[in-house]
Amino acid sequence: MMKLTNNEIDSLAEDAVNVAVKHIQDKLGIKAGDFAGIFFSYDDYVFKVFKEYIRGEMFDQEMMKNE
């Protein structure tokens, strides 16, 4: 199992949000990310959720390893 630093978790969460947003934009035919930039600049809730998920996955893997 990979152990990540807080900075690595932050970076991974940001990457995950960017991939998700890009996928939505591609499916909707959006050519510019202006709205997404504005939308996600007001609140970091989505980033927090992804970071919590990443930490949860790491915890789960650690627990599975100890069984």
Protein backbone atom coordinates (compact mmCIF):
# COMPACT_ATOMS: atom_id res chain seq x y z
CA MET A 1 0.00 0.00 0.00
CA MET A 2 1.18 3.46 -0.83
CA LYS A 3 1.47 5.96 2.03
CA LEU A 4 0.94 9.55 0.89
CA THR A 5 1.94 12.82 2.52
CA ASN A 6 -0.66 15.55 3.06
CA ASN A 7 0.75 17.43 0.07
CA GLU A 8 0.47 14.30 -2.09
CA ILE A 9 -3.12 13.78 -0.92
CA ASP A 10 -3.93 17.40 -1.78
CA SER A 11 -2.39 16.99 -5.22
CA LEU A 12 -4.20 13.70 -5.87
CA ALA A 13 -7.53 15.21 -4.80
CA GLU A 14 -7.00 18.19 -7.09
CA ASP A 15 -6.12 15.86 -9.97
CA ALA A 16 -9.26 13.81 -9.29
CA VAL A 17 -11.50 16.89 -9.33
CA ASN A 18 -9.87 18.12 -12.54
CA VAL A 19 -10.39 14.76 -14.26
CA ALA A 20 -14.03 14.62 -13.13
CA VAL A 21 -14.72 18.17 -14.29
CA LYS A 22 -12.97 17.56 -17.64
CA HIS A 23 -15.08 14.44 -18.18
CA ILE A 24 -18.29 16.39 -17.53
CA GLN A 25 -17.14 19.21 -19.82
CA ASP A 26 -16.26 16.75 -22.59
CA LYS A 27 -19.66 15.05 -22.36
CA LEU A 28 -21.41 18.45 -22.49
CA GLY A 29 -19.24 19.75 -25.32
CA ILE A 30 -17.80 22.56 -23.18
CA LYS A 31 -14.76 24.13 -24.83
CA ALA A 32 -13.60 26.46 -22.02
CA GLY A 33 -13.30 25.84 -18.31
CA ASP A 34 -14.17 29.37 -17.23
CA PHE A 35 -17.36 28.42 -15.40
CA ALA A 36 -15.68 25.50 -13.61
CA GLY A 37 -12.89 27.79 -12.47
CA ILE A 38 -15.38 30.23 -11.02
CA PHE A 39 -17.63 27.52 -9.58
CA PHE A 40 -14.87 25.69 -7.73
CA SER A 41 -13.08 28.84 -6.56
CA TYR A 42 -15.86 29.70 -4.09
CA ASP A 43 -15.83 26.51 -2.04
CA ASP A 44 -13.39 23.68 -1.55
CA TYR A 45 -16.03 21.17 -0.41
CA VAL A 46 -15.45 18.83 -3.37
CA PHE A 47 -11.70 18.83 -2.73
CA LYS A 48 -12.34 18.01 0.93
CA VAL A 49 -14.59 15.11 -0.04
CA PHE A 50 -11.95 13.68 -2.37
CA LYS A 51 -9.26 14.08 0.31
CA GLU A 52 -11.49 12.30 2.84
CA TYR A 53 -12.09 9.52 0.31
CA ILE A 54 -8.35 9.13 -0.35
CA ARG A 55 -7.62 8.91 3.38
CA GLY A 56 -10.45 6.41 3.75
CA GLU A 57 -9.01 4.22 1.02
CA MET A 58 -5.57 4.36 2.63
CA PHE A 59 -7.07 3.45 6.02
CA ASP A 60 -9.06 0.58 4.52
CA GLN A 61 -5.95 -0.80 2.81
CA GLU A 62 -4.03 -0.59 6.08
CA MET A 63 -6.82 -2.45 7.91
CA MET A 64 -6.96 -5.16 5.21
CA LYS A 65 -3.20 -5.61 5.49
CA ASN A 66 -3.51 -6.22 9.22
CA GLU A 67 -6.16 -8.95 8.92
